[in-house]
């Protein structure tokens, strides 16, 4: 199955079960494909999402995951608990919340501050 179709089925199944109209079988449910191994498709950890949301692009979290658990592709150490879609959604929500709370500068503020530092 092409990756785009897998991703679309997973996304659609977040609203409810996705059924194959020809066979009547449920092919995806609760954001996962039926028959897919648990942990398959997990790529990132919450700690790295938090670090990136804070603007620490080079400072991803350093933490140990459980033995045998899927490994975060960003830090290479933590336990991956988020799919790619979930990781990006979580990171975006955290960044928005931190920007609104004033704990994270927006990209514009960072660029203005950088331009002032350079005397521009």
PDB file of N, CA and C in Angstrom:
ATOM      1  N   UNK A   1       0.853  -1.172   0.000  1.00  0.00           N
ATOM      2  CA  UNK A   1       0.000   0.000   0.000  1.00  0.00           C
ATOM      3  C   UNK A   1       0.905   1.243   0.000  1.00  0.00           C
ATOM      4  N   UNK A   2       0.662   2.201  -0.893  1.00  0.00           N
ATOM      5  CA  UNK A   2       1.491   3.411  -0.946  1.00  0.00           C
ATOM      6  C   UNK A   2       1.412   4.207   0.372  1.00  0.00           C
ATOM      7  N   UNK A   3       2.504   4.877   0.745  1.00  0.00           N
ATOM      8  CA  UNK A   3       2.528   5.626   1.997  1.00  0.00           C
ATOM      9  C   UNK A   3       1.453   6.710   2.072  1.00  0.00           C
ATOM     10  N   UNK A   4       1.130   7.331   0.937  1.00  0.00           N
ATOM     11  CA  UNK A   4       0.109   8.378   0.930  1.00  0.00           C
ATOM     12  C   UNK A   4      -1.259   7.798   1.282  1.00  0.00           C
ATOM     13  N   UNK A   5      -1.565   6.611   0.772  1.00  0.00           N
ATOM     14  CA  UNK A   5      -2.834   5.962   1.074  1.00  0.00           C
ATOM     15  C   UNK A   5      -2.885   5.541   2.538  1.00  0.00           C
ATOM     16  N   UNK A   6      -1.782   5.001   3.048  1.00  0.00           N
ATOM     17  CA  UNK A   6      -1.719   4.608   4.462  1.00  0.00           C
ATOM     18  C   UNK A   6      -1.981   5.821   5.352  1.00  0.00           C
ATOM     19  N   UNK A   7      -1.321   6.930   5.033  1.00  0.00           N
ATOM     20  CA  UNK A   7      -1.485   8.147   5.831  1.00  0.00           C
ATOM     21  C   UNK A   7      -2.920   8.662   5.756  1.00  0.00           C
ATOM     22  N   UNK A   8      -3.518   8.626   4.558  1.00  0.00           N
ATOM     23  CA  UNK A   8      -4.894   9.095   4.393  1.00  0.00           C
ATOM     24  C   UNK A   8      -5.871   8.230   5.184  1.00  0.00           C
ATOM     25  N   UNK A   9      -5.683   6.912   5.139  1.00  0.00           N
ATOM     26  CA  UNK A   9      -6.570   6.015   5.888  1.00  0.00           C
ATOM     27  C   UNK A   9      -6.449   6.249   7.394  1.00  0.00           C
ATOM     28  N   UNK A  10      -5.225   6.442   7.864  1.00  0.00           N
ATOM     29  CA  UNK A  10      -5.017   6.705   9.290  1.00  0.00           C
ATOM     30  C   UNK A  10      -5.702   8.003   9.702  1.00  0.00           C
ATOM     31  N   UNK A  11      -5.551   9.026   8.861  1.00  0.00           N
ATOM     32  CA  UNK A  11      -6.160  10.331   9.163  1.00  0.00           C
ATOM     33  C   UNK A  11      -7.680  10.226   9.180  1.00  0.00           C
ATOM     34  N   UNK A  12      -8.237   9.562   8.198  1.00  0.00           N
ATOM     35  CA  UNK A  12      -9.697   9.412   8.115  1.00  0.00           C
ATOM     36  C   UNK A  12     -10.234   8.616   9.305  1.00  0.00           C
ATOM     37  N   UNK A  13      -9.469   7.642   9.772  1.00  0.00           N
ATOM     38  CA  UNK A  13      -9.955   6.768  10.847  1.00  0.00           C
ATOM     39  C   UNK A  13      -9.972   7.454  12.205  1.00  0.00           C
ATOM     40  N   UNK A  14      -9.418   8.639  12.305  1.00  0.00           N
ATOM     41  CA  UNK A  14      -9.478   9.370  13.570  1.00  0.00           C
ATOM     42  C   UNK A  14     -10.913   9.822  13.860  1.00  0.00           C
ATOM     43  N   UNK A  15     -11.704   9.970  12.830  1.00  0.00           N
ATOM     44  CA  UNK A  15     -13.106  10.383  12.988  1.00  0.00           C
ATOM     45  C   UNK A  15     -14.029   9.191  13.199  1.00  0.00           C
ATOM     46  N   UNK A  16     -13.586   8.020  12.789  1.00  0.00           N
ATOM     47  CA  UNK A  16     -14.392   6.810  12.910  1.00  0.00           C
ATOM     48  C   UNK A  16     -13.787   5.707  12.071  1.00  0.00           C
ATOM     49  N   UNK A  17     -14.286   4.495  12.200  1.00  0.00           N
ATOM     50  CA  UNK A  17     -13.720   3.370  11.441  1.00  0.00           C
ATOM     51  C   UNK A  17     -13.837   3.586   9.933  1.00  0.00           C
ATOM     52  N   UNK A  18     -12.814   3.157   9.208  1.00  0.00           N
ATOM     53  CA  UNK A  18     -12.813   3.212   7.748  1.00  0.00           C
ATOM     54  C   UNK A  18     -13.045   1.793   7.251  1.00  0.00           C
ATOM     55  N   UNK A  19     -14.089   1.618   6.434  1.00  0.00           N
ATOM     56  CA  UNK A  19     -14.498   0.290   5.977  1.00  0.00           C
ATOM     57  C   UNK A  19     -14.269   0.164   4.482  1.00  0.00           C
ATOM     58  N   UNK A  20     -13.721  -0.985   4.064  1.00  0.00           N
ATOM     59  CA  UNK A  20     -13.572  -1.298   2.649  1.00  0.00           C
ATOM     60  C   UNK A  20     -14.963  -1.620   2.115  1.00  0.00           C
ATOM     61  N   UNK A  21     -15.457  -0.833   1.202  1.00  0.00           N
ATOM     62  CA  UNK A  21     -16.834  -0.980   0.709  1.00  0.00           C
ATOM     63  C   UNK A  21     -17.030  -2.292  -0.059  1.00  0.00           C
ATOM     64  N   UNK A  22     -15.971  -2.822  -0.632  1.00  0.00           N
ATOM     65  CA  UNK A  22     -16.083  -4.063  -1.397  1.00  0.00           C
ATOM     66  C   UNK A  22     -16.252  -5.271  -0.493  1.00  0.00           C
ATOM     67  N   UNK A  23     -15.434  -5.352   0.538  1.00  0.00           N
ATOM     68  CA  UNK A  23     -15.438  -6.530   1.413  1.00  0.00           C
ATOM     69  C   UNK A  23     -16.206  -6.318   2.707  1.00  0.00           C
ATOM     70  N   UNK A  24     -16.421  -5.078   3.096  1.00  0.00           N
ATOM     71  CA  UNK A  24     -17.090  -4.796   4.357  1.00  0.00           C
ATOM     72  C   UNK A  24     -16.165  -4.861   5.562  1.00  0.00           C
ATOM     73  N   UNK A  25     -14.875  -5.072   5.321  1.00  0.00           N
ATOM     74  CA  UNK A  25     -13.883  -5.147   6.398  1.00  0.00           C
ATOM     75  C   UNK A  25     -13.475  -3.763   6.864  1.00  0.00           C
ATOM     76  N   UNK A  26     -13.221  -3.634   8.161  1.00  0.00           N
ATOM     77  CA  UNK A  26     -12.666  -2.393   8.693  1.00  0.00           C
ATOM     78  C   UNK A  26     -11.170  -2.407   8.411  1.00  0.00           C
ATOM     79  N   UNK A  27     -10.668  -1.358   7.740  1.00  0.00           N
ATOM     80  CA  UNK A  27      -9.253  -1.314   7.381  1.00  0.00           C
ATOM     81  C   UNK A  27      -8.445  -0.368   8.281  1.00  0.00           C
ATOM     82  N   UNK A  28      -9.118   0.574   8.926  1.00  0.00           N
ATOM     83  CA  UNK A  28      -8.422   1.497   9.822  1.00  0.00           C
ATOM     84  C   UNK A  28      -9.379   1.942  10.917  1.00  0.00           C
ATOM     85  N   UNK A  29      -8.806   2.120  12.106  1.00  0.00           N
ATOM     86  CA  UNK A  29      -9.623   2.499  13.251  1.00  0.00           C
ATOM     87  C   UNK A  29      -8.755   3.243  14.257  1.00  0.00           C
ATOM     88  N   UNK A  30      -9.268   4.327  14.804  1.00  0.00           N
ATOM     89  CA  UNK A  30      -8.580   5.104  15.849  1.00  0.00           C
ATOM     90  C   UNK A  30      -7.176   5.537  15.431  1.00  0.00           C
ATOM     91  N   UNK A  31      -7.021   5.930  14.176  1.00  0.00           N
ATOM     92  CA  UNK A  31      -5.739   6.444  13.710  1.00  0.00           C
ATOM     93  C   UNK A  31      -4.703   5.398  13.366  1.00  0.00           C
ATOM     94  N   UNK A  32      -5.083   4.121  13.370  1.00  0.00           N
ATOM     95  CA  UNK A  32      -4.156   3.033  13.054  1.00  0.00           C
ATOM     96  C   UNK A  32      -4.774   2.107  12.015  1.00  0.00           C
ATOM     97  N   UNK A  33      -3.940   1.499  11.176  1.00  0.00           N
ATOM     98  CA  UNK A  33      -4.414   0.511  10.225  1.00  0.00           C
ATOM     99  C   UNK A  33      -4.654  -0.797  10.960  1.00  0.00           C
ATOM    100  N   UNK A  34      -5.720  -1.497  10.602  1.00  0.00           N
ATOM    101  CA  UNK A  34      -6.018  -2.793  11.209  1.00  0.00           C
ATOM    102  C   UNK A  34      -4.941  -3.782  10.780  1.00  0.00           C
ATOM    103  N   UNK A  35      -4.407  -4.514  11.733  1.00  0.00           N
ATOM    104  CA  UNK A  35      -3.362  -5.491  11.446  1.00  0.00           C
ATOM    105  C   UNK A  35      -1.958  -4.932  11.518  1.00  0.00           C
ATOM    106  N   UNK A  36      -1.846  -3.641  11.706  1.00  0.00           N
ATOM    107  CA  UNK A  36      -0.528  -3.024  11.811  1.00  0.00           C
ATOM    108  C   UNK A  36       0.035  -3.296  13.205  1.00  0.00           C
ATOM    109  N   UNK A  37       1.294  -3.632  13.262  1.00  0.00           N
ATOM    110  CA  UNK A  37       1.941  -3.905  14.545  1.00  0.00           C
ATOM    111  C   UNK A  37       1.962  -2.648  15.406  1.00  0.00           C
ATOM    112  N   UNK A  38       1.731  -2.791  16.703  1.00  0.00           N
ATOM    113  CA  UNK A  38       1.847  -1.613  17.576  1.00  0.00           C
ATOM    114  C   UNK A  38       3.267  -1.071  17.522  1.00  0.00           C
ATOM    115  N   UNK A  39       3.373   0.221  17.459  1.00  0.00           N
ATOM    116  CA  UNK A  39       4.691   0.838  17.379  1.00  0.00           C
ATOM    117  C   UNK A  39       5.152   1.081  15.960  1.00  0.00           C
ATOM    118  N   UNK A  40       4.502   0.428  14.985  1.00  0.00           N
ATOM    119  CA  UNK A  40       4.875   0.638  13.597  1.00  0.00           C
ATOM    120  C   UNK A  40       4.467   2.049  13.206  1.00  0.00           C
ATOM    121  N   UNK A  41       5.359   2.793  12.646  1.00  0.00           N
ATOM    122  CA  UNK A  41       5.045   4.147  12.249  1.00  0.00           C
ATOM    123  C   UNK A  41       5.344   5.185  13.322  1.00  0.00           C
ATOM    124  N   UNK A  42       5.807   4.758  14.506  1.00  0.00           N
ATOM    125  CA  UNK A  42       6.168   5.713  15.549  1.00  0.00           C
ATOM    126  C   UNK A  42       7.558   6.261  15.251  1.00  0.00           C
ATOM    127  N   UNK A  43       7.674   7.586  15.233  1.00  0.00           N
ATOM    128  CA  UNK A  43       8.932   8.187  14.827  1.00  0.00           C
ATOM    129  C   UNK A  43       9.523   9.170  15.831  1.00  0.00           C
ATOM    130  N   UNK A  44       8.706   9.752  16.693  1.00  0.00           N
ATOM    131  CA  UNK A  44       9.213  10.808  17.564  1.00  0.00           C
ATOM    132  C   UNK A  44       8.731  10.687  18.987  1.00  0.00           C
ATOM    133  N   UNK A  45       9.413  11.419  19.861  1.00  0.00           N
ATOM    134  CA  UNK A  45       9.035  11.407  21.278  1.00  0.00           C
ATOM    135  C   UNK A  45       8.544  12.800  21.695  1.00  0.00           C
ATOM    136  N   UNK A  46       7.787  12.829  22.754  1.00  0.00           N
ATOM    137  CA  UNK A  46       7.216  14.070  23.262  1.00  0.00           C
ATOM    138  C   UNK A  46       8.296  15.032  23.741  1.00  0.00           C
ATOM    139  N   UNK A  47       9.377  14.510  24.294  1.00  0.00           N
ATOM    140  CA  UNK A  47      10.454  15.362  24.799  1.00  0.00           C
ATOM    141  C   UNK A  47      11.106  16.154  23.664  1.00  0.00           C
ATOM    142  N   UNK A  48      11.298  15.523  22.513  1.00  0.00           N
ATOM    143  CA  UNK A  48      11.878  16.234  21.366  1.00  0.00           C
ATOM    144  C   UNK A  48      10.876  17.241  20.796  1.00  0.00           C
ATOM    145  N   UNK A  49       9.591  16.901  20.819  1.00  0.00           N
ATOM    146  CA  UNK A  49       8.568  17.849  20.367  1.00  0.00           C
ATOM    147  C   UNK A  49       8.593  19.094  21.241  1.00  0.00           C
ATOM    148  N   UNK A  50       8.732  18.915  22.551  1.00  0.00           N
ATOM    149  CA  UNK A  50       8.806  20.064  23.467  1.00  0.00           C
ATOM    150  C   UNK A  50      10.041  20.906  23.197  1.00  0.00           C
ATOM    151  N   UNK A  51      11.187  20.265  22.976  1.00  0.00           N
ATOM    152  CA  UNK A  51      12.422  21.005  22.731  1.00  0.00           C
ATOM    153  C   UNK A  51      12.314  21.831  21.452  1.00  0.00           C
ATOM    154  N   UNK A  52      11.773  21.236  20.401  1.00  0.00           N
ATOM    155  CA  UNK A  52      11.622  21.958  19.136  1.00  0.00           C
ATOM    156  C   UNK A  52      10.597  23.070  19.289  1.00  0.00           C
ATOM    157  N   UNK A  53       9.524  22.830  20.029  1.00  0.00           N
ATOM    158  CA  UNK A  53       8.502  23.861  20.244  1.00  0.00           C
ATOM    159  C   UNK A  53       9.068  25.055  21.000  1.00  0.00           C
ATOM    160  N   UNK A  54      10.051  24.822  21.854  1.00  0.00           N
ATOM    161  CA  UNK A  54      10.702  25.922  22.567  1.00  0.00           C
ATOM    162  C   UNK A  54      11.692  26.673  21.686  1.00  0.00           C
ATOM    163  N   UNK A  55      11.952  26.155  20.486  1.00  0.00           N
ATOM    164  CA  UNK A  55      12.892  26.795  19.582  1.00  0.00           C
ATOM    165  C   UNK A  55      14.307  26.276  19.727  1.00  0.00           C
ATOM    166  N   UNK A  56      14.481  25.189  20.422  1.00  0.00           N
ATOM    167  CA  UNK A  56      15.808  24.609  20.631  1.00  0.00           C
ATOM    168  C   UNK A  56      16.072  23.559  19.559  1.00  0.00           C
ATOM    169  N   UNK A  57      16.234  24.012  18.320  1.00  0.00           N
ATOM    170  CA  UNK A  57      16.364  23.082  17.194  1.00  0.00           C
ATOM    171  C   UNK A  57      17.564  22.169  17.350  1.00  0.00           C
ATOM    172  N   UNK A  58      18.662  22.664  17.869  1.00  0.00           N
ATOM    173  CA  UNK A  58      19.842  21.825  18.048  1.00  0.00           C
ATOM    174  C   UNK A  58      19.864  21.144  19.391  1.00  0.00           C
ATOM    175  N   UNK A  59      18.934  21.476  20.268  1.00  0.00           N
ATOM    176  CA  UNK A  59      18.957  20.945  21.619  1.00  0.00           C
ATOM    177  C   UNK A  59      17.860  19.943  21.864  1.00  0.00           C
ATOM    178  N   UNK A  60      17.798  18.917  21.036  1.00  0.00           N
ATOM    179  CA  UNK A  60      16.765  17.909  21.246  1.00  0.00           C
ATOM    180  C   UNK A  60      17.006  17.196  22.562  1.00  0.00           C
ATOM    181  N   UNK A  61      15.957  16.631  23.097  1.00  0.00           N
ATOM    182  CA  UNK A  61      16.016  16.018  24.421  1.00  0.00           C
ATOM    183  C   UNK A  61      16.940  14.817  24.433  1.00  0.00           C
ATOM    184  N   UNK A  62      17.627  14.645  25.530  1.00  0.00           N
ATOM    185  CA  UNK A  62      18.480  13.473  25.731  1.00  0.00           C
ATOM    186  C   UNK A  62      17.902  12.676  26.877  1.00  0.00           C
ATOM    187  N   UNK A  63      17.382  11.528  26.568  1.00  0.00           N
ATOM    188  CA  UNK A  63      16.755  10.686  27.581  1.00  0.00           C
ATOM    189  C   UNK A  63      16.746   9.257  27.087  1.00  0.00           C
ATOM    190  N   UNK A  64      16.688   8.337  27.981  1.00  0.00           N
ATOM    191  CA  UNK A  64      16.708   6.915  27.656  1.00  0.00           C
ATOM    192  C   UNK A  64      15.291   6.392  27.484  1.00  0.00           C
ATOM    193  N   UNK A  65      15.096   5.537  26.505  1.00  0.00           N
ATOM    194  CA  UNK A  65      13.820   4.858  26.319  1.00  0.00           C
ATOM    195  C   UNK A  65      13.900   3.453  26.885  1.00  0.00           C
ATOM    196  N   UNK A  66      12.767   2.799  26.952  1.00  0.00           N
ATOM    197  CA  UNK A  66      12.729   1.434  27.466  1.00  0.00           C
ATOM    198  C   UNK A  66      13.348   0.475  26.457  1.00  0.00           C
ATOM    199  N   UNK A  67      13.967  -0.593  26.943  1.00  0.00           N
ATOM    200  CA  UNK A  67      14.561  -1.597  26.061  1.00  0.00           C
ATOM    201  C   UNK A  67      13.490  -2.232  25.184  1.00  0.00           C
ATOM    202  N   UNK A  68      13.781  -2.364  23.894  1.00  0.00           N
ATOM    203  CA  UNK A  68      12.855  -2.989  22.964  1.00  0.00           C
ATOM    204  C   UNK A  68      11.783  -2.062  22.424  1.00  0.00           C
ATOM    205  N   UNK A  69      11.696  -0.841  22.928  1.00  0.00           N
ATOM    206  CA  UNK A  69      10.687   0.113  22.465  1.00  0.00           C
ATOM    207  C   UNK A  69      11.185   0.788  21.182  1.00  0.00           C
ATOM    208  N   UNK A  70      10.258   1.289  20.338  1.00  0.00           N
ATOM    209  CA  UNK A  70      10.696   2.027  19.153  1.00  0.00           C
ATOM    210  C   UNK A  70      11.483   3.265  19.570  1.00  0.00           C
ATOM    211  N   UNK A  71      12.531   3.576  18.837  1.00  0.00           N
ATOM    212  CA  UNK A  71      13.427   4.677  19.191  1.00  0.00           C
ATOM    213  C   UNK A  71      13.057   5.930  18.414  1.00  0.00           C
ATOM    214  N   UNK A  72      13.097   7.078  19.084  1.00  0.00           N
ATOM    215  CA  UNK A  72      12.849   8.372  18.457  1.00  0.00           C
ATOM    216  C   UNK A  72      13.897   8.615  17.375  1.00  0.00           C
ATOM    217  N   UNK A  73      13.452   9.007  16.198  1.00  0.00           N
ATOM    218  CA  UNK A  73      14.385   9.250  15.101  1.00  0.00           C
ATOM    219  C   UNK A  73      15.139  10.559  15.245  1.00  0.00           C
ATOM    220  N   UNK A  74      14.656  11.475  16.077  1.00  0.00           N
ATOM    221  CA  UNK A  74      15.331  12.757  16.254  1.00  0.00           C
ATOM    222  C   UNK A  74      16.514  12.655  17.199  1.00  0.00           C
ATOM    223  N   UNK A  75      16.254  12.136  18.396  1.00  0.00           N
ATOM    224  CA  UNK A  75      17.338  12.078  19.386  1.00  0.00           C
ATOM    225  C   UNK A  75      18.060  10.746  19.350  1.00  0.00           C
ATOM    226  N   UNK A  76      17.434   9.716  18.813  1.00  0.00           N
ATOM    227  CA  UNK A  76      18.071   8.413  18.726  1.00  0.00           C
ATOM    228  C   UNK A  76      18.205   7.700  20.054  1.00  0.00           C
ATOM    229  N   UNK A  77      17.582   8.239  21.087  1.00  0.00           N
ATOM    230  CA  UNK A  77      17.705   7.641  22.412  1.00  0.00           C
ATOM    231  C   UNK A  77      16.365   7.399  23.068  1.00  0.00           C
ATOM    232  N   UNK A  78      15.433   8.339  22.902  1.00  0.00           N
ATOM    233  CA  UNK A  78      14.155   8.270  23.605  1.00  0.00           C
ATOM    234  C   UNK A  78      13.192   7.285  22.968  1.00  0.00           C
ATOM    235  N   UNK A  79      12.135   6.989  23.695  1.00  0.00           N
ATOM    236  CA  UNK A  79      11.106   6.072  23.209  1.00  0.00           C
ATOM    237  C   UNK A  79      10.134   6.825  22.310  1.00  0.00           C
ATOM    238  N   UNK A  80      10.016   6.381  21.067  1.00  0.00           N
ATOM    239  CA  UNK A  80       9.091   6.996  20.119  1.00  0.00           C
ATOM    240  C   UNK A  80       7.665   6.624  20.498  1.00  0.00           C
ATOM    241  N   UNK A  81       6.858   7.628  20.775  1.00  0.00           N
ATOM    242  CA  UNK A  81       5.458   7.402  21.135  1.00  0.00           C
ATOM    243  C   UNK A  81       4.508   8.110  20.184  1.00  0.00           C
ATOM    244  N   UNK A  82       5.041   8.873  19.231  1.00  0.00           N
ATOM    245  CA  UNK A  82       4.219   9.670  18.317  1.00  0.00           C
ATOM    246  C   UNK A  82       4.507   9.301  16.868  1.00  0.00           C
ATOM    247  N   UNK A  83       3.447   9.249  16.056  1.00  0.00           N
ATOM    248  CA  UNK A  83       3.635   9.099  14.621  1.00  0.00           C
ATOM    249  C   UNK A  83       4.113  10.443  14.076  1.00  0.00           C
ATOM    250  N   UNK A  84       4.512  10.474  12.823  1.00  0.00           N
ATOM    251  CA  UNK A  84       4.987  11.727  12.236  1.00  0.00           C
ATOM    252  C   UNK A  84       3.903  12.802  12.288  1.00  0.00           C
ATOM    253  N   UNK A  85       2.680  12.443  11.936  1.00  0.00           N
ATOM    254  CA  UNK A  85       1.578  13.412  11.953  1.00  0.00           C
ATOM    255  C   UNK A  85       1.351  13.916  13.372  1.00  0.00           C
ATOM    256  N   UNK A  86       1.285  12.986  14.323  1.00  0.00           N
ATOM    257  CA  UNK A  86       1.065  13.379  15.718  1.00  0.00           C
ATOM    258  C   UNK A  86       2.207  14.238  16.245  1.00  0.00           C
ATOM    259  N   UNK A  87       3.433  13.922  15.836  1.00  0.00           N
ATOM    260  CA  UNK A  87       4.587  14.689  16.310  1.00  0.00           C
ATOM    261  C   UNK A  87       4.490  16.136  15.821  1.00  0.00           C
ATOM    262  N   UNK A  88       4.197  16.321  14.534  1.00  0.00           N
ATOM    263  CA  UNK A  88       4.100  17.681  14.001  1.00  0.00           C
ATOM    264  C   UNK A  88       2.919  18.435  14.600  1.00  0.00           C
ATOM    265  N   UNK A  89       1.784  17.762  14.790  1.00  0.00           N
ATOM    266  CA  UNK A  89       0.638  18.418  15.413  1.00  0.00           C
ATOM    267  C   UNK A  89       0.953  18.826  16.851  1.00  0.00           C
ATOM    268  N   UNK A  90       1.576  17.942  17.594  1.00  0.00           N
ATOM    269  CA  UNK A  90       1.945  18.233  18.989  1.00  0.00           C
ATOM    270  C   UNK A  90       2.932  19.378  19.051  1.00  0.00           C
ATOM    271  N   UNK A  91       3.934  19.355  18.191  1.00  0.00           N
ATOM    272  CA  UNK A  91       4.939  20.418  18.177  1.00  0.00           C
ATOM    273  C   UNK A  91       4.304  21.762  17.839  1.00  0.00           C
ATOM    274  N   UNK A  92       3.424  21.787  16.846  1.00  0.00           N
ATOM    275  CA  UNK A  92       2.761  23.038  16.458  1.00  0.00           C
ATOM    276  C   UNK A  92       1.881  23.573  17.587  1.00  0.00           C
ATOM    277  N   UNK A  93       1.121  22.693  18.236  1.00  0.00           N
ATOM    278  CA  UNK A  93       0.272  23.128  19.352  1.00  0.00           C
ATOM    279  C   UNK A  93       1.105  23.656  20.510  1.00  0.00           C
ATOM    280  N   UNK A  94       2.191  22.964  20.831  1.00  0.00           N
ATOM    281  CA  UNK A  94       3.063  23.422  21.914  1.00  0.00           C
ATOM    282  C   UNK A  94       3.707  24.768  21.572  1.00  0.00           C
ATOM    283  N   UNK A  95       4.155  24.925  20.321  1.00  0.00           N
ATOM    284  CA  UNK A  95       4.773  26.190  19.907  1.00  0.00           C
ATOM    285  C   UNK A  95       3.768  27.331  19.981  1.00  0.00           C
ATOM    286  N   UNK A  96       2.541  27.089  19.528  1.00  0.00           N
ATOM    287  CA  UNK A  96       1.494  28.117  19.610  1.00  0.00           C
ATOM    288  C   UNK A  96       1.214  28.502  21.060  1.00  0.00           C
ATOM    289  N   UNK A  97       1.083  27.499  21.917  1.00  0.00           N
ATOM    290  CA  UNK A  97       0.795  27.762  23.327  1.00  0.00           C
ATOM    291  C   UNK A  97       1.943  28.515  23.994  1.00  0.00           C
ATOM    292  N   UNK A  98       3.169  28.149  23.683  1.00  0.00           N
ATOM    293  CA  UNK A  98       4.334  28.810  24.292  1.00  0.00           C
ATOM    294  C   UNK A  98       4.498  30.233  23.769  1.00  0.00           C
ATOM    295  N   UNK A  99       4.168  30.453  22.495  1.00  0.00           N
ATOM    296  CA  UNK A  99       4.230  31.800  21.932  1.00  0.00           C
ATOM    297  C   UNK A  99       3.169  32.681  22.581  1.00  0.00           C
ATOM    298  N   UNK A 100       1.946  32.145  22.734  1.00  0.00           N
ATOM    299  CA  UNK A 100       0.867  32.908  23.360  1.00  0.00           C
ATOM    300  C   UNK A 100       1.185  33.228  24.822  1.00  0.00           C
ATOM    301  N   UNK A 101       1.882  32.321  25.498  1.00  0.00           N
ATOM    302  CA  UNK A 101       2.234  32.528  26.906  1.00  0.00           C
ATOM    303  C   UNK A 101       3.455  33.432  27.068  1.00  0.00           C
ATOM    304  N   UNK A 102       4.122  33.736  25.960  1.00  0.00           N
ATOM    305  CA  UNK A 102       5.296  34.602  26.016  1.00  0.00           C
ATOM    306  C   UNK A 102       6.578  33.887  26.387  1.00  0.00           C
ATOM    307  N   UNK A 103       6.559  32.571  26.412  1.00  0.00           N
ATOM    308  CA  UNK A 103       7.770  31.824  26.749  1.00  0.00           C
ATOM    309  C   UNK A 103       8.597  31.487  25.526  1.00  0.00           C
ATOM    310  N   UNK A 104       8.077  31.802  24.352  1.00  0.00           N
ATOM    311  CA  UNK A 104       8.799  31.533  23.106  1.00  0.00           C
ATOM    312  C   UNK A 104       8.570  32.703  22.170  1.00  0.00           C
ATOM    313  N   UNK A 105       9.628  33.234  21.618  1.00  0.00           N
ATOM    314  CA  UNK A 105       9.507  34.341  20.674  1.00  0.00           C
ATOM    315  C   UNK A 105       9.024  33.819  19.328  1.00  0.00           C
ATOM    316  N   UNK A 106       8.289  34.645  18.601  1.00  0.00           N
ATOM    317  CA  UNK A 106       7.846  34.259  17.261  1.00  0.00           C
ATOM    318  C   UNK A 106       9.040  34.369  16.318  1.00  0.00           C
ATOM    319  N   UNK A 107       8.905  33.789  15.136  1.00  0.00           N
ATOM    320  CA  UNK A 107       9.985  33.849  14.151  1.00  0.00           C
ATOM    321  C   UNK A 107      10.284  35.307  13.792  1.00  0.00           C
ATOM    322  N   UNK A 108       9.248  36.146  13.685  1.00  0.00           N
ATOM    323  CA  UNK A 108       9.453  37.550  13.341  1.00  0.00           C
ATOM    324  C   UNK A 108      10.262  38.249  14.418  1.00  0.00           C
ATOM    325  N   UNK A 109       9.901  38.041  15.681  1.00  0.00           N
ATOM    326  CA  UNK A 109      10.644  38.669  16.778  1.00  0.00           C
ATOM    327  C   UNK A 109      12.105  38.230  16.790  1.00  0.00           C
ATOM    328  N   UNK A 110      12.337  36.951  16.524  1.00  0.00           N
ATOM    329  CA  UNK A 110      13.711  36.452  16.465  1.00  0.00           C
ATOM    330  C   UNK A 110      14.495  37.125  15.340  1.00  0.00           C
ATOM    331  N   UNK A 111      13.856  37.312  14.168  1.00  0.00           N
ATOM    332  CA  UNK A 111      14.562  37.921  13.043  1.00  0.00           C
ATOM    333  C   UNK A 111      14.822  39.397  13.286  1.00  0.00           C
ATOM    334  N   UNK A 112      13.851  40.112  13.900  1.00  0.00           N
ATOM    335  CA  UNK A 112      14.066  41.539  14.217  1.00  0.00           C
ATOM    336  C   UNK A 112      15.188  41.685  15.219  1.00  0.00           C
ATOM    337  N   UNK A 113      15.194  40.851  16.258  1.00  0.00           N
ATOM    338  CA  UNK A 113      16.238  40.898  17.274  1.00  0.00           C
ATOM    339  C   UNK A 113      17.604  40.618  16.638  1.00  0.00           C
ATOM    340  N   UNK A 114      17.643  39.648  15.714  1.00  0.00           N
ATOM    341  CA  UNK A 114      18.896  39.334  15.024  1.00  0.00           C
ATOM    342  C   UNK A 114      19.370  40.471  14.151  1.00  0.00           C
ATOM    343  N   UNK A 115      18.443  41.154  13.480  1.00  0.00           N
ATOM    344  CA  UNK A 115      18.809  42.280  12.616  1.00  0.00           C
ATOM    345  C   UNK A 115      19.346  43.439  13.460  1.00  0.00           C
ATOM    346  N   UNK A 116      18.738  43.673  14.603  1.00  0.00           N
ATOM    347  CA  UNK A 116      19.222  44.737  15.489  1.00  0.00           C
ATOM    348  C   UNK A 116      20.601  44.423  16.025  1.00  0.00           C
ATOM    349  N   UNK A 117      20.841  43.163  16.335  1.00  0.00           N
ATOM    350  CA  UNK A 117      22.151  42.742  16.838  1.00  0.00           C
ATOM    351  C   UNK A 117      23.223  43.004  15.796  1.00  0.00           C
ATOM    352  N   UNK A 118      22.872  42.806  14.513  1.00  0.00           N
ATOM    353  CA  UNK A 118      23.826  43.016  13.435  1.00  0.00           C
ATOM    354  C   UNK A 118      23.915  44.484  13.021  1.00  0.00           C
ATOM    355  N   UNK A 119      23.070  45.357  13.613  1.00  0.00           N
ATOM    356  CA  UNK A 119      23.102  46.770  13.276  1.00  0.00           C
ATOM    357  C   UNK A 119      22.359  47.114  11.993  1.00  0.00           C
ATOM    358  N   UNK A 120      21.423  46.285  11.593  1.00  0.00           N
ATOM    359  CA  UNK A 120      20.660  46.528  10.366  1.00  0.00           C
ATOM    360  C   UNK A 120      19.393  47.313  10.629  1.00  0.00           C
TER     361      UNK A 120
END
